[in-house]
């Protein structure tokens, strides 16, 4: 087949089609993500997360500040001090001022010897 008779395909999309595609992308990101943010007794799905912050859906999330908790499913993964930074492409982006990993056990304030028993048997 010859390329001589083929015309260039137009990349123009109407505003309605672009908005529909963006809404579908945002809905898919909300369904796919297991990450959740809890603040003030409410839970919001996290669209994406990176080293210095995360993004929520701009339509659903209020402007948040202060301490929030991040969850992966039901597992608590971090407590964060956040500030809102900007709204971009339907996302409300937040930056971490402090990001503390949530561990299942509290840190020890003493050194455990290598030969310490794991459990006591009676």
PDB file of N, CA and C in Angstrom:
ATOM      1  N   UNK A   1       0.840  -1.176   0.000  1.00  0.00           N
ATOM      2  CA  UNK A   1       0.000   0.000   0.000  1.00  0.00           C
ATOM      3  C   UNK A   1       0.883   1.235   0.000  1.00  0.00           C
ATOM      4  N   UNK A   2       0.554   2.185  -0.784  1.00  0.00           N
ATOM      5  CA  UNK A   2       1.352   3.394  -0.947  1.00  0.00           C
ATOM      6  C   UNK A   2       0.893   4.477   0.014  1.00  0.00           C
ATOM      7  N   UNK A   3       1.851   5.276   0.523  1.00  0.00           N
ATOM      8  CA  UNK A   3       1.549   6.384   1.418  1.00  0.00           C
ATOM      9  C   UNK A   3       1.177   7.652   0.662  1.00  0.00           C
ATOM     10  N   UNK A   4       1.242   7.606  -0.660  1.00  0.00           N
ATOM     11  CA  UNK A   4       1.002   8.801  -1.467  1.00  0.00           C
ATOM     12  C   UNK A   4      -0.430   9.297  -1.310  1.00  0.00           C
ATOM     13  N   UNK A   5      -1.399   8.390  -1.290  1.00  0.00           N
ATOM     14  CA  UNK A   5      -2.796   8.790  -1.228  1.00  0.00           C
ATOM     15  C   UNK A   5      -3.337   8.956   0.182  1.00  0.00           C
ATOM     16  N   UNK A   6      -2.531   8.694   1.230  1.00  0.00           N
ATOM     17  CA  UNK A   6      -2.998   8.768   2.616  1.00  0.00           C
ATOM     18  C   UNK A   6      -2.785  10.171   3.146  1.00  0.00           C
ATOM     19  N   UNK A   7      -3.842  10.786   3.667  1.00  0.00           N
ATOM     20  CA  UNK A   7      -3.743  12.123   4.235  1.00  0.00           C
ATOM     21  C   UNK A   7      -3.434  12.019   5.727  1.00  0.00           C
ATOM     22  N   UNK A   8      -2.843  13.052   6.270  1.00  0.00           N
ATOM     23  CA  UNK A   8      -2.514  13.073   7.694  1.00  0.00           C
ATOM     24  C   UNK A   8      -3.794  13.073   8.520  1.00  0.00           C
ATOM     25  N   UNK A   9      -3.774  12.294   9.583  1.00  0.00           N
ATOM     26  CA  UNK A   9      -4.939  12.199  10.459  1.00  0.00           C
ATOM     27  C   UNK A   9      -4.986  13.423  11.363  1.00  0.00           C
ATOM     28  N   UNK A  10      -6.125  13.989  11.539  1.00  0.00           N
ATOM     29  CA  UNK A  10      -6.292  15.173  12.383  1.00  0.00           C
ATOM     30  C   UNK A  10      -6.225  14.771  13.857  1.00  0.00           C
ATOM     31  N   UNK A  11      -5.506  15.541  14.665  1.00  0.00           N
ATOM     32  CA  UNK A  11      -5.407  15.262  16.095  1.00  0.00           C
ATOM     33  C   UNK A  11      -6.302  16.176  16.909  1.00  0.00           C
ATOM     34  N   UNK A  12      -7.175  16.920  16.263  1.00  0.00           N
ATOM     35  CA  UNK A  12      -8.079  17.819  16.952  1.00  0.00           C
ATOM     36  C   UNK A  12      -9.215  17.029  17.602  1.00  0.00           C
ATOM     37  N   UNK A  13      -9.443  17.286  18.886  1.00  0.00           N
ATOM     38  CA  UNK A  13     -10.570  16.690  19.602  1.00  0.00           C
ATOM     39  C   UNK A  13     -11.426  17.823  20.137  1.00  0.00           C
ATOM     40  N   UNK A  14     -12.711  17.654  20.067  1.00  0.00           N
ATOM     41  CA  UNK A  14     -13.600  18.695  20.585  1.00  0.00           C
ATOM     42  C   UNK A  14     -13.464  18.791  22.106  1.00  0.00           C
ATOM     43  N   UNK A  15     -13.902  19.902  22.655  1.00  0.00           N
ATOM     44  CA  UNK A  15     -13.825  20.131  24.093  1.00  0.00           C
ATOM     45  C   UNK A  15     -14.572  19.045  24.851  1.00  0.00           C
ATOM     46  N   UNK A  16     -15.744  18.641  24.376  1.00  0.00           N
ATOM     47  CA  UNK A  16     -16.553  17.627  25.047  1.00  0.00           C
ATOM     48  C   UNK A  16     -15.830  16.281  25.089  1.00  0.00           C
ATOM     49  N   UNK A  17     -15.187  15.920  23.985  1.00  0.00           N
ATOM     50  CA  UNK A  17     -14.465  14.653  23.933  1.00  0.00           C
ATOM     51  C   UNK A  17     -13.265  14.688  24.878  1.00  0.00           C
ATOM     52  N   UNK A  18     -12.521  15.805  24.873  1.00  0.00           N
ATOM     53  CA  UNK A  18     -11.375  15.932  25.785  1.00  0.00           C
ATOM     54  C   UNK A  18     -11.819  15.841  27.233  1.00  0.00           C
ATOM     55  N   UNK A  19     -12.910  16.539  27.598  1.00  0.00           N
ATOM     56  CA  UNK A  19     -13.414  16.484  28.979  1.00  0.00           C
ATOM     57  C   UNK A  19     -13.873  15.080  29.342  1.00  0.00           C
ATOM     58  N   UNK A  20     -14.505  14.389  28.410  1.00  0.00           N
ATOM     59  CA  UNK A  20     -14.931  13.014  28.648  1.00  0.00           C
ATOM     60  C   UNK A  20     -13.758  12.080  28.864  1.00  0.00           C
ATOM     61  N   UNK A  21     -12.718  12.235  28.051  1.00  0.00           N
ATOM     62  CA  UNK A  21     -11.517  11.415  28.214  1.00  0.00           C
ATOM     63  C   UNK A  21     -10.828  11.697  29.546  1.00  0.00           C
ATOM     64  N   UNK A  22     -10.752  12.960  29.941  1.00  0.00           N
ATOM     65  CA  UNK A  22     -10.128  13.322  31.220  1.00  0.00           C
ATOM     66  C   UNK A  22     -10.942  12.769  32.389  1.00  0.00           C
ATOM     67  N   UNK A  23     -12.260  12.838  32.299  1.00  0.00           N
ATOM     68  CA  UNK A  23     -13.113  12.295  33.364  1.00  0.00           C
ATOM     69  C   UNK A  23     -12.952  10.777  33.460  1.00  0.00           C
ATOM     70  N   UNK A  24     -12.855  10.101  32.327  1.00  0.00           N
ATOM     71  CA  UNK A  24     -12.662   8.648  32.329  1.00  0.00           C
ATOM     72  C   UNK A  24     -11.302   8.284  32.910  1.00  0.00           C
ATOM     73  N   UNK A  25     -10.259   9.067  32.576  1.00  0.00           N
ATOM     74  CA  UNK A  25      -8.929   8.803  33.128  1.00  0.00           C
ATOM     75  C   UNK A  25      -8.924   8.979  34.639  1.00  0.00           C
ATOM     76  N   UNK A  26      -9.561  10.040  35.130  1.00  0.00           N
ATOM     77  CA  UNK A  26      -9.609  10.298  36.574  1.00  0.00           C
ATOM     78  C   UNK A  26     -10.406   9.211  37.292  1.00  0.00           C
ATOM     79  N   UNK A  27     -11.514   8.763  36.712  1.00  0.00           N
ATOM     80  CA  UNK A  27     -12.311   7.706  37.334  1.00  0.00           C
ATOM     81  C   UNK A  27     -11.530   6.398  37.394  1.00  0.00           C
ATOM     82  N   UNK A  28     -10.786   6.088  36.345  1.00  0.00           N
ATOM     83  CA  UNK A  28      -9.972   4.870  36.335  1.00  0.00           C
ATOM     84  C   UNK A  28      -8.869   4.948  37.376  1.00  0.00           C
ATOM     85  N   UNK A  29      -8.261   6.109  37.547  1.00  0.00           N
ATOM     86  CA  UNK A  29      -7.207   6.274  38.552  1.00  0.00           C
ATOM     87  C   UNK A  29      -7.768   6.104  39.956  1.00  0.00           C
ATOM     88  N   UNK A  30      -8.977   6.620  40.202  1.00  0.00           N
ATOM     89  CA  UNK A  30      -9.596   6.463  41.523  1.00  0.00           C
ATOM     90  C   UNK A  30      -9.911   5.000  41.811  1.00  0.00           C
ATOM     91  N   UNK A  31     -10.410   4.269  40.832  1.00  0.00           N
ATOM     92  CA  UNK A  31     -10.747   2.855  41.036  1.00  0.00           C
ATOM     93  C   UNK A  31      -9.498   2.005  41.221  1.00  0.00           C
ATOM     94  N   UNK A  32      -8.449   2.322  40.488  1.00  0.00           N
ATOM     95  CA  UNK A  32      -7.246   1.503  40.487  1.00  0.00           C
ATOM     96  C   UNK A  32      -6.425   1.669  41.766  1.00  0.00           C
ATOM     97  N   UNK A  33      -6.440   2.828  42.354  1.00  0.00           N
ATOM     98  CA  UNK A  33      -5.575   3.128  43.485  1.00  0.00           C
ATOM     99  C   UNK A  33      -6.121   2.535  44.779  1.00  0.00           C
ATOM    100  N   UNK A  34      -5.252   1.870  45.516  1.00  0.00           N
ATOM    101  CA  UNK A  34      -5.600   1.384  46.849  1.00  0.00           C
ATOM    102  C   UNK A  34      -5.234   2.409  47.902  1.00  0.00           C
ATOM    103  N   UNK A  35      -4.461   3.411  47.515  1.00  0.00           N
ATOM    104  CA  UNK A  35      -4.005   4.410  48.474  1.00  0.00           C
ATOM    105  C   UNK A  35      -5.154   5.321  48.870  1.00  0.00           C
ATOM    106  N   UNK A  36      -5.246   5.592  50.164  1.00  0.00           N
ATOM    107  CA  UNK A  36      -6.289   6.456  50.718  1.00  0.00           C
ATOM    108  C   UNK A  36      -5.664   7.412  51.716  1.00  0.00           C
ATOM    109  N   UNK A  37      -6.274   8.571  51.825  1.00  0.00           N
ATOM    110  CA  UNK A  37      -5.841   9.579  52.785  1.00  0.00           C
ATOM    111  C   UNK A  37      -6.997   9.819  53.748  1.00  0.00           C
ATOM    112  N   UNK A  38      -6.719   9.862  55.034  1.00  0.00           N
ATOM    113  CA  UNK A  38      -7.743  10.139  56.030  1.00  0.00           C
ATOM    114  C   UNK A  38      -7.389  11.434  56.733  1.00  0.00           C
ATOM    115  N   UNK A  39      -8.359  12.362  56.729  1.00  0.00           N
ATOM    116  CA  UNK A  39      -8.163  13.658  57.384  1.00  0.00           C
ATOM    117  C   UNK A  39      -9.504  14.129  57.923  1.00  0.00           C
ATOM    118  N   UNK A  40      -9.540  14.492  59.187  1.00  0.00           N
ATOM    119  CA  UNK A  40     -10.760  15.024  59.776  1.00  0.00           C
ATOM    120  C   UNK A  40     -11.918  14.052  59.738  1.00  0.00           C
ATOM    121  N   UNK A  41     -11.641  12.750  59.840  1.00  0.00           N
ATOM    122  CA  UNK A  41     -12.694  11.749  59.828  1.00  0.00           C
ATOM    123  C   UNK A  41     -13.213  11.396  58.444  1.00  0.00           C
ATOM    124  N   UNK A  42     -12.677  11.987  57.405  1.00  0.00           N
ATOM    125  CA  UNK A  42     -13.096  11.684  56.033  1.00  0.00           C
ATOM    126  C   UNK A  42     -11.955  11.013  55.290  1.00  0.00           C
ATOM    127  N   UNK A  43     -12.324  10.212  54.281  1.00  0.00           N
ATOM    128  CA  UNK A  43     -11.345   9.473  53.498  1.00  0.00           C
ATOM    129  C   UNK A  43     -11.414   9.914  52.044  1.00  0.00           C
ATOM    130  N   UNK A  44     -10.244  10.098  51.434  1.00  0.00           N
ATOM    131  CA  UNK A  44     -10.134  10.530  50.040  1.00  0.00           C
ATOM    132  C   UNK A  44      -9.193   9.586  49.301  1.00  0.00           C
ATOM    133  N   UNK A  45      -9.527   9.161  48.072  1.00  0.00           N
ATOM    134  CA  UNK A  45      -8.607   8.318  47.298  1.00  0.00           C
ATOM    135  C   UNK A  45      -7.425   9.135  46.790  1.00  0.00           C
ATOM    136  N   UNK A  46      -6.243   8.560  46.891  1.00  0.00           N
ATOM    137  CA  UNK A  46      -5.018   9.199  46.397  1.00  0.00           C
ATOM    138  C   UNK A  46      -4.820   8.758  44.955  1.00  0.00           C
ATOM    139  N   UNK A  47      -4.742   9.720  44.039  1.00  0.00           N
ATOM    140  CA  UNK A  47      -4.565   9.396  42.623  1.00  0.00           C
ATOM    141  C   UNK A  47      -3.146   8.935  42.337  1.00  0.00           C
ATOM    142  N   UNK A  48      -2.169   9.653  42.889  1.00  0.00           N
ATOM    143  CA  UNK A  48      -0.772   9.258  42.707  1.00  0.00           C
ATOM    144  C   UNK A  48       0.045   9.841  43.841  1.00  0.00           C
ATOM    145  N   UNK A  49       1.201   9.251  44.055  1.00  0.00           N
ATOM    146  CA  UNK A  49       2.082   9.680  45.137  1.00  0.00           C
ATOM    147  C   UNK A  49       3.504   9.700  44.616  1.00  0.00           C
ATOM    148  N   UNK A  50       4.316  10.622  45.093  1.00  0.00           N
ATOM    149  CA  UNK A  50       5.719  10.706  44.729  1.00  0.00           C
ATOM    150  C   UNK A  50       6.505  11.038  45.989  1.00  0.00           C
ATOM    151  N   UNK A  51       7.788  11.192  45.876  1.00  0.00           N
ATOM    152  CA  UNK A  51       8.672  11.336  47.036  1.00  0.00           C
ATOM    153  C   UNK A  51       8.340  12.538  47.906  1.00  0.00           C
ATOM    154  N   UNK A  52       7.939  13.650  47.309  1.00  0.00           N
ATOM    155  CA  UNK A  52       7.718  14.869  48.083  1.00  0.00           C
ATOM    156  C   UNK A  52       6.246  15.247  48.221  1.00  0.00           C
ATOM    157  N   UNK A  53       5.320  14.402  47.736  1.00  0.00           N
ATOM    158  CA  UNK A  53       3.917  14.744  47.858  1.00  0.00           C
ATOM    159  C   UNK A  53       2.993  13.737  47.224  1.00  0.00           C
ATOM    160  N   UNK A  54       1.741  14.146  47.030  1.00  0.00           N
ATOM    161  CA  UNK A  54       0.727  13.278  46.457  1.00  0.00           C
ATOM    162  C   UNK A  54      -0.359  14.142  45.830  1.00  0.00           C
ATOM    163  N   UNK A  55      -1.274  13.497  45.097  1.00  0.00           N
ATOM    164  CA  UNK A  55      -2.346  14.219  44.416  1.00  0.00           C
ATOM    165  C   UNK A  55      -3.686  13.552  44.706  1.00  0.00           C
ATOM    166  N   UNK A  56      -4.701  14.385  44.917  1.00  0.00           N
ATOM    167  CA  UNK A  56      -6.081  13.949  45.084  1.00  0.00           C
ATOM    168  C   UNK A  56      -6.901  14.548  43.952  1.00  0.00           C
ATOM    169  N   UNK A  57      -8.105  14.035  43.758  1.00  0.00           N
ATOM    170  CA  UNK A  57      -9.009  14.587  42.754  1.00  0.00           C
ATOM    171  C   UNK A  57      -9.451  15.974  43.217  1.00  0.00           C
ATOM    172  N   UNK A  58      -9.279  16.972  42.379  1.00  0.00           N
ATOM    173  CA  UNK A  58      -9.586  18.358  42.751  1.00  0.00           C
ATOM    174  C   UNK A  58     -11.069  18.560  43.033  1.00  0.00           C
ATOM    175  N   UNK A  59     -11.940  17.773  42.396  1.00  0.00           N
ATOM    176  CA  UNK A  59     -13.378  17.926  42.612  1.00  0.00           C
ATOM    177  C   UNK A  59     -13.820  17.380  43.969  1.00  0.00           C
ATOM    178  N   UNK A  60     -13.134  16.349  44.476  1.00  0.00           N
ATOM    179  CA  UNK A  60     -13.543  15.685  45.710  1.00  0.00           C
ATOM    180  C   UNK A  60     -12.820  16.193  46.952  1.00  0.00           C
ATOM    181  N   UNK A  61     -11.594  16.648  46.792  1.00  0.00           N
ATOM    182  CA  UNK A  61     -10.765  16.964  47.952  1.00  0.00           C
ATOM    183  C   UNK A  61     -10.816  18.450  48.302  1.00  0.00           C
ATOM    184  N   UNK A  62     -11.009  18.749  49.573  1.00  0.00           N
ATOM    185  CA  UNK A  62     -10.906  20.140  49.996  1.00  0.00           C
ATOM    186  C   UNK A  62      -9.433  20.530  50.101  1.00  0.00           C
ATOM    187  N   UNK A  63      -9.173  21.785  50.342  1.00  0.00           N
ATOM    188  CA  UNK A  63      -7.796  22.207  50.592  1.00  0.00           C
ATOM    189  C   UNK A  63      -7.454  21.781  52.014  1.00  0.00           C
ATOM    190  N   UNK A  64      -6.475  20.903  52.129  1.00  0.00           N
ATOM    191  CA  UNK A  64      -6.111  20.326  53.417  1.00  0.00           C
ATOM    192  C   UNK A  64      -4.790  20.893  53.896  1.00  0.00           C
ATOM    193  N   UNK A  65      -4.660  20.983  55.210  1.00  0.00           N
ATOM    194  CA  UNK A  65      -3.403  21.346  55.858  1.00  0.00           C
ATOM    195  C   UNK A  65      -3.336  20.580  57.152  1.00  0.00           C
ATOM    196  N   UNK A  66      -2.132  20.309  57.608  1.00  0.00           N
ATOM    197  CA  UNK A  66      -1.965  19.658  58.902  1.00  0.00           C
ATOM    198  C   UNK A  66      -1.636  18.191  58.767  1.00  0.00           C
ATOM    199  N   UNK A  67      -1.912  17.457  59.862  1.00  0.00           N
ATOM    200  CA  UNK A  67      -1.582  16.035  59.911  1.00  0.00           C
ATOM    201  C   UNK A  67      -2.676  15.203  59.255  1.00  0.00           C
ATOM    202  N   UNK A  68      -2.253  14.265  58.420  1.00  0.00           N
ATOM    203  CA  UNK A  68      -3.146  13.315  57.759  1.00  0.00           C
ATOM    204  C   UNK A  68      -2.504  11.934  57.833  1.00  0.00           C
ATOM    205  N   UNK A  69      -3.311  10.914  57.615  1.00  0.00           N
ATOM    206  CA  UNK A  69      -2.818   9.543  57.608  1.00  0.00           C
ATOM    207  C   UNK A  69      -2.978   8.949  56.224  1.00  0.00           C
ATOM    208  N   UNK A  70      -1.957   8.238  55.752  1.00  0.00           N
ATOM    209  CA  UNK A  70      -1.989   7.550  54.461  1.00  0.00           C
ATOM    210  C   UNK A  70      -2.159   6.055  54.700  1.00  0.00           C
ATOM    211  N   UNK A  71      -3.049   5.435  53.915  1.00  0.00           N
ATOM    212  CA  UNK A  71      -3.316   4.011  54.025  1.00  0.00           C
ATOM    213  C   UNK A  71      -3.158   3.362  52.665  1.00  0.00           C
ATOM    214  N   UNK A  72      -2.646   2.129  52.664  1.00  0.00           N
ATOM    215  CA  UNK A  72      -2.636   1.278  51.480  1.00  0.00           C
ATOM    216  C   UNK A  72      -3.634   0.169  51.766  1.00  0.00           C
ATOM    217  N   UNK A  73      -4.839   0.295  51.245  1.00  0.00           N
ATOM    218  CA  UNK A  73      -5.918  -0.615  51.632  1.00  0.00           C
ATOM    219  C   UNK A  73      -6.280  -0.325  53.079  1.00  0.00           C
ATOM    220  N   UNK A  74      -6.126  -1.318  53.950  1.00  0.00           N
ATOM    221  CA  UNK A  74      -6.404  -1.111  55.370  1.00  0.00           C
ATOM    222  C   UNK A  74      -5.130  -0.923  56.189  1.00  0.00           C
ATOM    223  N   UNK A  75      -3.979  -1.005  55.546  1.00  0.00           N
ATOM    224  CA  UNK A  75      -2.688  -0.901  56.246  1.00  0.00           C
ATOM    225  C   UNK A  75      -2.248   0.555  56.332  1.00  0.00           C
ATOM    226  N   UNK A  76      -2.023   1.017  57.563  1.00  0.00           N
ATOM    227  CA  UNK A  76      -1.561   2.381  57.802  1.00  0.00           C
ATOM    228  C   UNK A  76      -0.083   2.457  57.403  1.00  0.00           C
ATOM    229  N   UNK A  77       0.256   3.310  56.435  1.00  0.00           N
ATOM    230  CA  UNK A  77       1.643   3.346  55.962  1.00  0.00           C
ATOM    231  C   UNK A  77       2.405   4.589  56.398  1.00  0.00           C
ATOM    232  N   UNK A  78       1.706   5.708  56.662  1.00  0.00           N
ATOM    233  CA  UNK A  78       2.437   6.919  57.037  1.00  0.00           C
ATOM    234  C   UNK A  78       1.518   7.945  57.678  1.00  0.00           C
ATOM    235  N   UNK A  79       2.136   8.777  58.500  1.00  0.00           N
ATOM    236  CA  UNK A  79       1.471   9.970  59.005  1.00  0.00           C
ATOM    237  C   UNK A  79       2.254  11.153  58.441  1.00  0.00           C
ATOM    238  N   UNK A  80       1.542  12.148  57.914  1.00  0.00           N
ATOM    239  CA  UNK A  80       2.193  13.222  57.184  1.00  0.00           C
ATOM    240  C   UNK A  80       1.676  14.578  57.642  1.00  0.00           C
ATOM    241  N   UNK A  81       2.562  15.553  57.612  1.00  0.00           N
ATOM    242  CA  UNK A  81       2.197  16.948  57.772  1.00  0.00           C
ATOM    243  C   UNK A  81       2.237  17.531  56.368  1.00  0.00           C
ATOM    244  N   UNK A  82       1.098  18.071  55.912  1.00  0.00           N
ATOM    245  CA  UNK A  82       1.001  18.490  54.516  1.00  0.00           C
ATOM    246  C   UNK A  82       0.545  19.938  54.375  1.00  0.00           C
ATOM    247  N   UNK A  83       0.821  20.491  53.199  1.00  0.00           N
ATOM    248  CA  UNK A  83       0.278  21.786  52.778  1.00  0.00           C
ATOM    249  C   UNK A  83      -0.172  21.628  51.329  1.00  0.00           C
ATOM    250  N   UNK A  84      -1.237  22.315  50.964  1.00  0.00           N
ATOM    251  CA  UNK A  84      -1.687  22.294  49.569  1.00  0.00           C
ATOM    252  C   UNK A  84      -0.712  23.119  48.749  1.00  0.00           C
ATOM    253  N   UNK A  85      -0.392  22.619  47.566  1.00  0.00           N
ATOM    254  CA  UNK A  85       0.560  23.368  46.760  1.00  0.00           C
ATOM    255  C   UNK A  85      -0.082  23.959  45.510  1.00  0.00           C
ATOM    256  N   UNK A  86      -0.851  23.157  44.752  1.00  0.00           N
ATOM    257  CA  UNK A  86      -1.438  23.693  43.525  1.00  0.00           C
ATOM    258  C   UNK A  86      -2.510  22.760  42.986  1.00  0.00           C
ATOM    259  N   UNK A  87      -3.347  23.303  42.111  1.00  0.00           N
ATOM    260  CA  UNK A  87      -4.314  22.529  41.341  1.00  0.00           C
ATOM    261  C   UNK A  87      -3.813  22.478  39.910  1.00  0.00           C
ATOM    262  N   UNK A  88      -3.770  21.252  39.354  1.00  0.00           N
ATOM    263  CA  UNK A  88      -3.266  21.107  37.997  1.00  0.00           C
ATOM    264  C   UNK A  88      -3.928  19.906  37.335  1.00  0.00           C
ATOM    265  N   UNK A  89      -4.523  20.107  36.180  1.00  0.00           N
ATOM    266  CA  UNK A  89      -5.113  19.044  35.359  1.00  0.00           C
ATOM    267  C   UNK A  89      -6.103  18.197  36.144  1.00  0.00           C
ATOM    268  N   UNK A  90      -6.972  18.837  36.919  1.00  0.00           N
ATOM    269  CA  UNK A  90      -7.985  18.106  37.663  1.00  0.00           C
ATOM    270  C   UNK A  90      -7.493  17.465  38.945  1.00  0.00           C
ATOM    271  N   UNK A  91      -6.254  17.723  39.312  1.00  0.00           N
ATOM    272  CA  UNK A  91      -5.680  17.173  40.537  1.00  0.00           C
ATOM    273  C   UNK A  91      -5.388  18.301  41.517  1.00  0.00           C
ATOM    274  N   UNK A  92      -5.582  18.021  42.792  1.00  0.00           N
ATOM    275  CA  UNK A  92      -5.135  18.939  43.837  1.00  0.00           C
ATOM    276  C   UNK A  92      -3.877  18.301  44.421  1.00  0.00           C
ATOM    277  N   UNK A  93      -2.756  18.987  44.248  1.00  0.00           N
ATOM    278  CA  UNK A  93      -1.471  18.431  44.653  1.00  0.00           C
ATOM    279  C   UNK A  93      -1.060  18.991  46.003  1.00  0.00           C
ATOM    280  N   UNK A  94      -0.506  18.113  46.839  1.00  0.00           N
ATOM    281  CA  UNK A  94      -0.071  18.461  48.187  1.00  0.00           C
ATOM    282  C   UNK A  94       1.397  18.115  48.351  1.00  0.00           C
ATOM    283  N   UNK A  95       2.077  18.866  49.190  1.00  0.00           N
ATOM    284  CA  UNK A  95       3.485  18.600  49.484  1.00  0.00           C
ATOM    285  C   UNK A  95       3.626  18.168  50.926  1.00  0.00           C
ATOM    286  N   UNK A  96       4.575  17.249  51.174  1.00  0.00           N
ATOM    287  CA  UNK A  96       4.879  16.817  52.526  1.00  0.00           C
ATOM    288  C   UNK A  96       5.805  17.833  53.177  1.00  0.00           C
ATOM    289  N   UNK A  97       5.454  18.275  54.367  1.00  0.00           N
ATOM    290  CA  UNK A  97       6.408  19.025  55.187  1.00  0.00           C
ATOM    291  C   UNK A  97       7.122  18.045  56.108  1.00  0.00           C
ATOM    292  N   UNK A  98       6.395  16.976  56.466  1.00  0.00           N
ATOM    293  CA  UNK A  98       6.934  15.910  57.306  1.00  0.00           C
ATOM    294  C   UNK A  98       6.259  14.625  56.877  1.00  0.00           C
ATOM    295  N   UNK A  99       7.033  13.563  56.733  1.00  0.00           N
ATOM    296  CA  UNK A  99       6.502  12.271  56.296  1.00  0.00           C
ATOM    297  C   UNK A  99       7.116  11.212  57.190  1.00  0.00           C
ATOM    298  N   UNK A 100       6.296  10.625  58.089  1.00  0.00           N
ATOM    299  CA  UNK A 100       6.791   9.640  59.048  1.00  0.00           C
ATOM    300  C   UNK A 100       6.141   8.304  58.747  1.00  0.00           C
ATOM    301  N   UNK A 101       6.977   7.314  58.498  1.00  0.00           N
ATOM    302  CA  UNK A 101       6.484   5.971  58.211  1.00  0.00           C
ATOM    303  C   UNK A 101       5.816   5.381  59.452  1.00  0.00           C
ATOM    304  N   UNK A 102       4.694   4.726  59.270  1.00  0.00           N
ATOM    305  CA  UNK A 102       3.982   4.088  60.380  1.00  0.00           C
ATOM    306  C   UNK A 102       4.465   2.648  60.495  1.00  0.00           C
ATOM    307  N   UNK A 103       5.063   2.314  61.612  1.00  0.00           N
ATOM    308  CA  UNK A 103       5.541   0.956  61.849  1.00  0.00           C
ATOM    309  C   UNK A 103       4.581   0.224  62.778  1.00  0.00           C
ATOM    310  N   UNK A 104       4.610  -1.096  62.698  1.00  0.00           N
ATOM    311  CA  UNK A 104       3.739  -1.899  63.551  1.00  0.00           C
ATOM    312  C   UNK A 104       4.223  -1.886  65.000  1.00  0.00           C
ATOM    313  N   UNK A 105       5.509  -1.650  65.202  1.00  0.00           N
ATOM    314  CA  UNK A 105       6.052  -1.637  66.564  1.00  0.00           C
ATOM    315  C   UNK A 105       6.695  -0.284  66.846  1.00  0.00           C
ATOM    316  N   UNK A 106       6.664   0.091  68.094  1.00  0.00           N
ATOM    317  CA  UNK A 106       7.293   1.346  68.501  1.00  0.00           C
ATOM    318  C   UNK A 106       8.810   1.179  68.485  1.00  0.00           C
ATOM    319  N   UNK A 107       9.546   2.231  68.210  1.00  0.00           N
ATOM    320  CA  UNK A 107      11.007   2.112  68.224  1.00  0.00           C
ATOM    321  C   UNK A 107      11.510   1.872  69.647  1.00  0.00           C
ATOM    322  N   UNK A 108      12.574   1.102  69.741  1.00  0.00           N
ATOM    323  CA  UNK A 108      13.165   0.817  71.058  1.00  0.00           C
ATOM    324  C   UNK A 108      14.100   1.948  71.445  1.00  0.00           C
ATOM    325  N   UNK A 109      14.158   2.208  72.733  1.00  0.00           N
ATOM    326  CA  UNK A 109      15.093   3.217  73.217  1.00  0.00           C
ATOM    327  C   UNK A 109      16.291   2.555  73.897  1.00  0.00           C
ATOM    328  N   UNK A 110      16.531   1.275  73.550  1.00  0.00           N
ATOM    329  CA  UNK A 110      17.660   0.538  74.088  1.00  0.00           C
ATOM    330  C   UNK A 110      18.149  -0.435  73.031  1.00  0.00           C
ATOM    331  N   UNK A 111      19.361  -0.938  73.214  1.00  0.00           N
ATOM    332  CA  UNK A 111      19.940  -1.877  72.258  1.00  0.00           C
ATOM    333  C   UNK A 111      19.612  -3.301  72.662  1.00  0.00           C
ATOM    334  N   UNK A 112      19.140  -4.098  71.710  1.00  0.00           N
ATOM    335  CA  UNK A 112      18.850  -5.513  71.968  1.00  0.00           C
ATOM    336  C   UNK A 112      20.105  -6.327  71.657  1.00  0.00           C
ATOM    337  N   UNK A 113      20.540  -7.163  72.593  1.00  0.00           N
ATOM    338  CA  UNK A 113      21.700  -8.013  72.294  1.00  0.00           C
ATOM    339  C   UNK A 113      21.354  -9.042  71.219  1.00  0.00           C
ATOM    340  N   UNK A 114      22.372  -9.471  70.469  1.00  0.00           N
ATOM    341  CA  UNK A 114      22.150 -10.425  69.383  1.00  0.00           C
ATOM    342  C   UNK A 114      21.644 -11.769  69.897  1.00  0.00           C
ATOM    343  N   UNK A 115      22.022 -12.166  71.107  1.00  0.00           N
ATOM    344  CA  UNK A 115      21.660 -13.479  71.647  1.00  0.00           C
ATOM    345  C   UNK A 115      20.426 -13.420  72.561  1.00  0.00           C
ATOM    346  N   UNK A 116      19.649 -12.370  72.505  1.00  0.00           N
ATOM    347  CA  UNK A 116      18.466 -12.239  73.353  1.00  0.00           C
ATOM    348  C   UNK A 116      17.403 -13.260  72.937  1.00  0.00           C
ATOM    349  N   UNK A 117      16.672 -13.825  73.919  1.00  0.00           N
ATOM    350  CA  UNK A 117      15.630 -14.803  73.574  1.00  0.00           C
ATOM    351  C   UNK A 117      14.479 -14.135  72.810  1.00  0.00           C
ATOM    352  N   UNK A 118      13.876 -14.907  71.936  1.00  0.00           N
ATOM    353  CA  UNK A 118      12.770 -14.400  71.143  1.00  0.00           C
ATOM    354  C   UNK A 118      11.480 -14.457  71.959  1.00  0.00           C
ATOM    355  N   UNK A 119      11.313 -15.508  72.770  1.00  0.00           N
ATOM    356  CA  UNK A 119      10.125 -15.675  73.596  1.00  0.00           C
ATOM    357  C   UNK A 119      10.487 -16.431  74.849  1.00  0.00           C
ATOM    358  N   UNK A 120       9.641 -16.349  75.864  1.00  0.00           N
ATOM    359  CA  UNK A 120       9.841 -17.080  77.106  1.00  0.00           C
ATOM    360  C   UNK A 120       8.883 -18.261  77.152  1.00  0.00           C
ATOM    361  N   UNK A 121       9.409 -19.432  77.474  1.00  0.00           N
ATOM    362  CA  UNK A 121       8.582 -20.641  77.610  1.00  0.00           C
ATOM    363  C   UNK A 121       8.501 -20.992  79.079  1.00  0.00           C
ATOM    364  N   UNK A 122       7.322 -21.294  79.569  1.00  0.00           N
ATOM    365  CA  UNK A 122       7.186 -21.673  80.989  1.00  0.00           C
ATOM    366  C   UNK A 122       6.975 -23.143  81.132  1.00  0.00           C
TER     367      UNK A 122
END
